[in-house]
Amino acid sequence: MTVAIYNCIWTPLTISFDYAMTLDDNSDFFKALNWIIRILYALDILMQFLTSYIDSTTGDEIMKPSMIARRYMAGEFIVDFLSTFPFKLLPIDDSRFRTFASMCALLKTLRIRKLYQTITQANLTVEQKAFAKIGFYSLLIFIYTHIIGCLMFFFLKTNYLWVAPTDFGAIRSRVQDPWYITG
């Protein structure tokens, strides 16, 4: 879970801020850490194919590998695979592909949801579970605002035009305004 929390904080920073991206790409420490995390996530994917689950309708523990694999492939596999695959290592130098790779890396933050499953399945008293859930939701609020702030900076640092050329045809926008000074 520490790895998931680390990814929830560090991955949005590397997507949005050039300094963090440069540090993440050039530092030997972060390169090694990223490979360790990828290996751990790949092992987690393999473990998901071997982990039984409780059927919600019958309450039975399902241990049949084909049913476990079918459930995982239909549910979380795509997100886990896209977040783990090292897209940055592919020899494609296109800005749209790099943005796609960054957004796939941002999917690592969804692994924090497994912390909630851990809390609900833990052998704790009702009061301890309630306190842990309050802490979890507080952490989610922090992570959510952090990700939104980083994504806002990412989108605002691009040079794309964010103002519509007209406002429903009735009001001139600032781009068409002859008194609007750019730059």
C-alpha atoms as a PDB file:
ATOM      1  CA  MET A   1       0.000   0.000   0.000  1.00  0.00           C
ATOM      2  CA  THR A   2       2.932   2.316   0.562  1.00  0.00           C
ATOM      3  CA  VAL A   3       3.773   1.939  -3.125  1.00  0.00           C
ATOM      4  CA  ALA A   4       0.231   2.926  -4.101  1.00  0.00           C
ATOM      5  CA  ILE A   5       0.361   6.029  -1.902  1.00  0.00           C
ATOM      6  CA  TYR A   6       3.782   6.924  -3.347  1.00  0.00           C
ATOM      7  CA  ASN A   7       2.364   6.608  -6.882  1.00  0.00           C
ATOM      8  CA  CYS A   8      -0.651   8.737  -5.988  1.00  0.00           C
ATOM      9  CA  ILE A   9       1.660  11.569  -4.997  1.00  0.00           C
ATOM     10  CA  TRP A  10       4.668  11.212  -7.307  1.00  0.00           C
ATOM     11  CA  THR A  11       3.051  10.181 -10.617  1.00  0.00           C
ATOM     12  CA  PRO A  12       0.890  13.330 -11.007  1.00  0.00           C
ATOM     13  CA  LEU A  13       3.965  15.433 -10.239  1.00  0.00           C
ATOM     14  CA  THR A  14       5.988  13.727 -12.980  1.00  0.00           C
ATOM     15  CA  ILE A  15       3.190  14.267 -15.477  1.00  0.00           C
ATOM     16  CA  SER A  16       2.691  17.940 -14.713  1.00  0.00           C
ATOM     17  CA  PHE A  17       6.010  19.421 -13.656  1.00  0.00           C
ATOM     18  CA  ASP A  18       9.085  19.332 -15.860  1.00  0.00           C
ATOM     19  CA  TYR A  19      11.485  19.244 -12.919  1.00  0.00           C
ATOM     20  CA  ALA A  20       9.872  16.111 -11.484  1.00  0.00           C
ATOM     21  CA  MET A  21       9.752  14.522 -14.941  1.00  0.00           C
ATOM     22  CA  THR A  22      13.451  15.238 -15.493  1.00  0.00           C
ATOM     23  CA  LEU A  23      14.292  13.937 -12.047  1.00  0.00           C
ATOM     24  CA  ASP A  24      12.207  10.818 -12.646  1.00  0.00           C
ATOM     25  CA  ASP A  25      13.829  10.148 -16.045  1.00  0.00           C
ATOM     26  CA  ASN A  26      17.465  10.946 -15.195  1.00  0.00           C
ATOM     27  CA  SER A  27      17.972   9.959 -11.572  1.00  0.00           C
ATOM     28  CA  ASP A  28      19.328   6.456 -11.039  1.00  0.00           C
ATOM     29  CA  PHE A  29      17.451   6.226  -7.759  1.00  0.00           C
ATOM     30  CA  PHE A  30      14.080   6.949  -9.376  1.00  0.00           C
ATOM     31  CA  LYS A  31      14.831   4.684 -12.339  1.00  0.00           C
ATOM     32  CA  ALA A  32      15.550   1.799  -9.973  1.00  0.00           C
ATOM     33  CA  LEU A  33      12.537   2.637  -7.828  1.00  0.00           C
ATOM     34  CA  ASN A  34      10.259   2.739 -10.878  1.00  0.00           C
ATOM     35  CA  TRP A  35      11.519  -0.670 -12.024  1.00  0.00           C
ATOM     36  CA  ILE A  36      10.979  -2.144  -8.571  1.00  0.00           C
ATOM     37  CA  ILE A  37       7.440  -0.754  -8.558  1.00  0.00           C
ATOM     38  CA  ARG A  38       6.765  -2.135 -12.057  1.00  0.00           C
ATOM     39  CA  ILE A  39       7.985  -5.564 -10.937  1.00  0.00           C
ATOM     40  CA  LEU A  40       5.814  -5.425  -7.822  1.00  0.00           C
ATOM     41  CA  TYR A  41       2.780  -4.432  -9.884  1.00  0.00           C
ATOM     42  CA  ALA A  42       3.499  -7.193 -12.428  1.00  0.00           C
ATOM     43  CA  LEU A  43       3.690  -9.688  -9.572  1.00  0.00           C
ATOM     44  CA  ASP A  44       0.420  -8.281  -8.259  1.00  0.00           C
ATOM     45  CA  ILE A  45      -1.174  -8.920 -11.661  1.00  0.00           C
ATOM     46  CA  LEU A  46       0.038 -12.512 -11.560  1.00  0.00           C
ATOM     47  CA  MET A  47      -1.221 -12.920  -7.996  1.00  0.00           C
ATOM     48  CA  GLN A  48      -4.655 -11.653  -9.008  1.00  0.00           C
ATOM     49  CA  PHE A  49      -4.948 -14.653 -11.344  1.00  0.00           C
ATOM     50  CA  LEU A  50      -4.254 -16.966  -8.394  1.00  0.00           C
ATOM     51  CA  THR A  51      -6.267 -15.267  -5.650  1.00  0.00           C
ATOM     52  CA  SER A  52      -9.653 -16.696  -4.793  1.00  0.00           C
ATOM     53  CA  TYR A  53     -12.639 -14.457  -4.230  1.00  0.00           C
ATOM     54  CA  ILE A  54     -15.972 -14.582  -2.436  1.00  0.00           C
ATOM     55  CA  ASP A  55     -19.024 -14.827  -4.676  1.00  0.00           C
ATOM     56  CA  SER A  56     -21.356 -12.049  -3.575  1.00  0.00           C
ATOM     57  CA  THR A  57     -24.543 -13.930  -4.470  1.00  0.00           C
ATOM     58  CA  THR A  58     -23.824 -17.255  -2.786  1.00  0.00           C
ATOM     59  CA  GLY A  59     -21.130 -16.340  -0.280  1.00  0.00           C
ATOM     60  CA  ASP A  60     -18.957 -19.211  -1.512  1.00  0.00           C
ATOM     61  CA  GLU A  61     -15.225 -18.900  -1.975  1.00  0.00           C
ATOM     62  CA  ILE A  62     -14.393 -19.359  -5.659  1.00  0.00           C
ATOM     63  CA  MET A  63     -11.104 -21.202  -6.166  1.00  0.00           C
ATOM     64  CA  LYS A  64     -11.499 -22.360  -9.759  1.00  0.00           C
ATOM     65  CA  PRO A  65      -8.675 -20.730 -11.804  1.00  0.00           C
ATOM     66  CA  SER A  66     -10.793 -20.198 -14.924  1.00  0.00           C
ATOM     67  CA  MET A  67     -13.483 -18.342 -12.970  1.00  0.00           C
ATOM     68  CA  ILE A  68     -10.870 -16.266 -11.125  1.00  0.00           C
ATOM     69  CA  ALA A  69      -9.180 -15.343 -14.420  1.00  0.00           C
ATOM     70  CA  ARG A  70     -12.495 -14.517 -16.114  1.00  0.00           C
ATOM     71  CA  ARG A  71     -13.511 -12.235 -13.237  1.00  0.00           C
ATOM     72  CA  TYR A  72     -10.146 -10.452 -13.168  1.00  0.00           C
ATOM     73  CA  MET A  73      -9.977 -10.051 -16.954  1.00  0.00           C
ATOM     74  CA  ALA A  74     -13.488  -8.587 -17.010  1.00  0.00           C
ATOM     75  CA  GLY A  75     -12.777  -6.219 -14.145  1.00  0.00           C
ATOM     76  CA  GLU A  76      -9.455  -4.714 -13.158  1.00  0.00           C
ATOM     77  CA  PHE A  77      -6.989  -6.327 -15.566  1.00  0.00           C
ATOM     78  CA  ILE A  78      -7.048  -3.609 -18.244  1.00  0.00           C
ATOM     79  CA  VAL A  79      -6.401  -0.832 -15.718  1.00  0.00           C
ATOM     80  CA  ASP A  80      -3.665  -2.847 -13.987  1.00  0.00           C
ATOM     81  CA  PHE A  81      -1.981  -3.722 -17.292  1.00  0.00           C
ATOM     82  CA  LEU A  82      -2.093  -0.185 -18.710  1.00  0.00           C
ATOM     83  CA  SER A  83      -0.742   1.267 -15.478  1.00  0.00           C
ATOM     84  CA  THR A  84       2.109  -1.255 -15.308  1.00  0.00           C
ATOM     85  CA  PHE A  85       3.248  -1.450 -18.942  1.00  0.00           C
ATOM     86  CA  PRO A  86       6.400   0.675 -19.536  1.00  0.00           C
ATOM     87  CA  PHE A  87       5.133   2.815 -22.428  1.00  0.00           C
ATOM     88  CA  LYS A  88       8.009   5.278 -22.014  1.00  0.00           C
ATOM     89  CA  LEU A  89      10.462   2.641 -23.211  1.00  0.00           C
ATOM     90  CA  LEU A  90       8.794   2.266 -26.610  1.00  0.00           C
ATOM     91  CA  PRO A  91      10.710   4.086 -29.387  1.00  0.00           C
ATOM     92  CA  ILE A  92       7.794   6.368 -30.299  1.00  0.00           C
ATOM     93  CA  ASP A  93       8.553  10.068 -30.210  1.00  0.00           C
ATOM     94  CA  ASP A  94       5.134  11.646 -30.573  1.00  0.00           C
ATOM     95  CA  SER A  95       3.675  14.165 -28.160  1.00  0.00           C
ATOM     96  CA  ARG A  96       0.234  12.545 -28.285  1.00  0.00           C
ATOM     97  CA  PHE A  97       1.721   9.144 -27.486  1.00  0.00           C
ATOM     98  CA  ARG A  98       3.707  10.631 -24.595  1.00  0.00           C
ATOM     99  CA  THR A  99       0.501  12.178 -23.244  1.00  0.00           C
ATOM    100  CA  PHE A 100      -1.228   8.790 -23.589  1.00  0.00           C
ATOM    101  CA  ALA A 101       1.672   7.107 -21.765  1.00  0.00           C
ATOM    102  CA  SER A 102       1.478   9.703 -18.991  1.00  0.00           C
ATOM    103  CA  MET A 103      -2.256   9.204 -18.583  1.00  0.00           C
ATOM    104  CA  CYS A 104      -1.736   5.428 -18.453  1.00  0.00           C
ATOM    105  CA  ALA A 105       0.863   5.987 -15.739  1.00  0.00           C
ATOM    106  CA  LEU A 106      -1.732   8.044 -13.901  1.00  0.00           C
ATOM    107  CA  LEU A 107      -3.878   4.907 -13.741  1.00  0.00           C
ATOM    108  CA  LYS A 108      -1.475   3.676 -11.049  1.00  0.00           C
ATOM    109  CA  THR A 109      -3.320   5.943  -8.670  1.00  0.00           C
ATOM    110  CA  LEU A 110      -6.402   3.720  -8.984  1.00  0.00           C
ATOM    111  CA  ARG A 111      -4.578   0.986  -7.103  1.00  0.00           C
ATOM    112  CA  ILE A 112      -5.286   2.906  -3.901  1.00  0.00           C
ATOM    113  CA  ARG A 113      -8.792   1.440  -4.011  1.00  0.00           C
ATOM    114  CA  LYS A 114      -7.333  -1.883  -2.872  1.00  0.00           C
ATOM    115  CA  LEU A 115      -6.594  -0.211   0.453  1.00  0.00           C
ATOM    116  CA  TYR A 116     -10.348   0.039   1.044  1.00  0.00           C
ATOM    117  CA  GLN A 117     -10.724  -3.696   0.380  1.00  0.00           C
ATOM    118  CA  THR A 118      -7.944  -4.356   2.865  1.00  0.00           C
ATOM    119  CA  ILE A 119      -9.710  -2.254   5.501  1.00  0.00           C
ATOM    120  CA  THR A 120     -13.074  -3.954   5.004  1.00  0.00           C
ATOM    121  CA  GLN A 121     -11.567  -7.450   5.097  1.00  0.00           C
ATOM    122  CA  ALA A 122      -9.281  -6.799   8.060  1.00  0.00           C
ATOM    123  CA  ASN A 123      -9.929  -8.497  11.370  1.00  0.00           C
ATOM    124  CA  LEU A 124     -10.730  -5.286  13.257  1.00  0.00           C
ATOM    125  CA  THR A 125     -13.490  -4.092  15.530  1.00  0.00           C
ATOM    126  CA  VAL A 126     -16.261  -1.943  14.104  1.00  0.00           C
ATOM    127  CA  GLU A 127     -14.781   1.169  15.726  1.00  0.00           C
ATOM    128  CA  GLN A 128     -11.303   0.454  14.330  1.00  0.00           C
ATOM    129  CA  LYS A 129     -12.723  -0.123  10.828  1.00  0.00           C
ATOM    130  CA  ALA A 130     -14.701   3.117  11.059  1.00  0.00           C
ATOM    131  CA  PHE A 131     -11.603   5.035  12.133  1.00  0.00           C
ATOM    132  CA  ALA A 132      -9.560   3.424   9.324  1.00  0.00           C
ATOM    133  CA  LYS A 133     -12.251   4.305   6.779  1.00  0.00           C
ATOM    134  CA  ILE A 134     -12.272   7.928   7.948  1.00  0.00           C
ATOM    135  CA  GLY A 135      -8.502   8.018   7.489  1.00  0.00           C
ATOM    136  CA  PHE A 136      -8.854   6.380   4.067  1.00  0.00           C
ATOM    137  CA  TYR A 137     -11.439   8.909   2.906  1.00  0.00           C
ATOM    138  CA  SER A 138      -9.297  11.767   4.213  1.00  0.00           C
ATOM    139  CA  LEU A 139      -6.388  10.366   2.227  1.00  0.00           C
ATOM    140  CA  LEU A 140      -8.631  10.118  -0.848  1.00  0.00           C
ATOM    141  CA  ILE A 141      -9.617  13.777  -0.539  1.00  0.00           C
ATOM    142  CA  PHE A 142      -5.949  14.761  -0.302  1.00  0.00           C
ATOM    143  CA  ILE A 143      -5.034  12.587  -3.288  1.00  0.00           C
ATOM    144  CA  TYR A 144      -7.989  13.820  -5.326  1.00  0.00           C
ATOM    145  CA  THR A 145      -7.131  17.490  -4.807  1.00  0.00           C
ATOM    146  CA  HIS A 146      -3.459  16.755  -5.513  1.00  0.00           C
ATOM    147  CA  ILE A 147      -4.261  15.007  -8.795  1.00  0.00           C
ATOM    148  CA  ILE A 148      -6.734  17.696  -9.885  1.00  0.00           C
ATOM    149  CA  GLY A 149      -4.207  20.433  -9.101  1.00  0.00           C
ATOM    150  CA  CYS A 150      -1.453  18.662 -11.032  1.00  0.00           C
ATOM    151  CA  LEU A 151      -3.745  17.999 -13.999  1.00  0.00           C
ATOM    152  CA  MET A 152      -4.885  21.624 -14.037  1.00  0.00           C
ATOM    153  CA  PHE A 153      -1.259  22.728 -14.210  1.00  0.00           C
ATOM    154  CA  PHE A 154      -0.575  20.132 -16.945  1.00  0.00           C
ATOM    155  CA  PHE A 155      -3.434  21.389 -19.106  1.00  0.00           C
ATOM    156  CA  LEU A 156      -2.741  25.064 -18.462  1.00  0.00           C
ATOM    157  CA  LYS A 157       0.936  24.823 -19.378  1.00  0.00           C
ATOM    158  CA  THR A 158       0.083  23.683 -22.911  1.00  0.00           C
ATOM    159  CA  ASN A 159      -0.173  26.212 -25.702  1.00  0.00           C
ATOM    160  CA  TYR A 160      -3.615  25.186 -26.866  1.00  0.00           C
ATOM    161  CA  LEU A 161      -6.354  27.769 -27.208  1.00  0.00           C
ATOM    162  CA  TRP A 162      -8.844  27.370 -24.376  1.00  0.00           C
ATOM    163  CA  VAL A 163     -11.174  30.224 -25.265  1.00  0.00           C
ATOM    164  CA  ALA A 164     -13.936  29.480 -27.749  1.00  0.00           C
ATOM    165  CA  PRO A 165     -13.812  31.695 -30.856  1.00  0.00           C
ATOM    166  CA  THR A 166     -17.403  32.819 -30.288  1.00  0.00           C
ATOM    167  CA  ASP A 167     -19.808  32.701 -27.397  1.00  0.00           C
ATOM    168  CA  PHE A 168     -22.908  31.272 -29.101  1.00  0.00           C
ATOM    169  CA  GLY A 169     -22.628  33.912 -31.815  1.00  0.00           C
ATOM    170  CA  ALA A 170     -23.977  36.727 -29.657  1.00  0.00           C
ATOM    171  CA  ILE A 171     -20.922  37.938 -27.750  1.00  0.00           C
ATOM    172  CA  ARG A 172     -17.422  38.368 -29.103  1.00  0.00           C
ATOM    173  CA  SER A 173     -14.765  36.391 -27.289  1.00  0.00           C
ATOM    174  CA  ARG A 174     -11.454  37.841 -26.143  1.00  0.00           C
ATOM    175  CA  VAL A 175      -9.624  36.214 -29.050  1.00  0.00           C
ATOM    176  CA  GLN A 176     -11.659  38.213 -31.566  1.00  0.00           C
ATOM    177  CA  ASP A 177     -11.419  41.383 -29.485  1.00  0.00           C
ATOM    178  CA  PRO A 178      -9.092  43.858 -31.285  1.00  0.00           C
ATOM    179  CA  TRP A 179      -8.090  45.365 -27.933  1.00  0.00           C
ATOM    180  CA  TYR A 180      -7.040  42.003 -26.438  1.00  0.00           C
ATOM    181  CA  ILE A 181      -3.243  41.893 -26.164  1.00  0.00           C
ATOM    182  CA  THR A 182      -1.649  38.457 -26.294  1.00  0.00           C
ATOM    183  CA  GLY A 183       1.600  37.423 -24.760  1.00  0.00           C
END
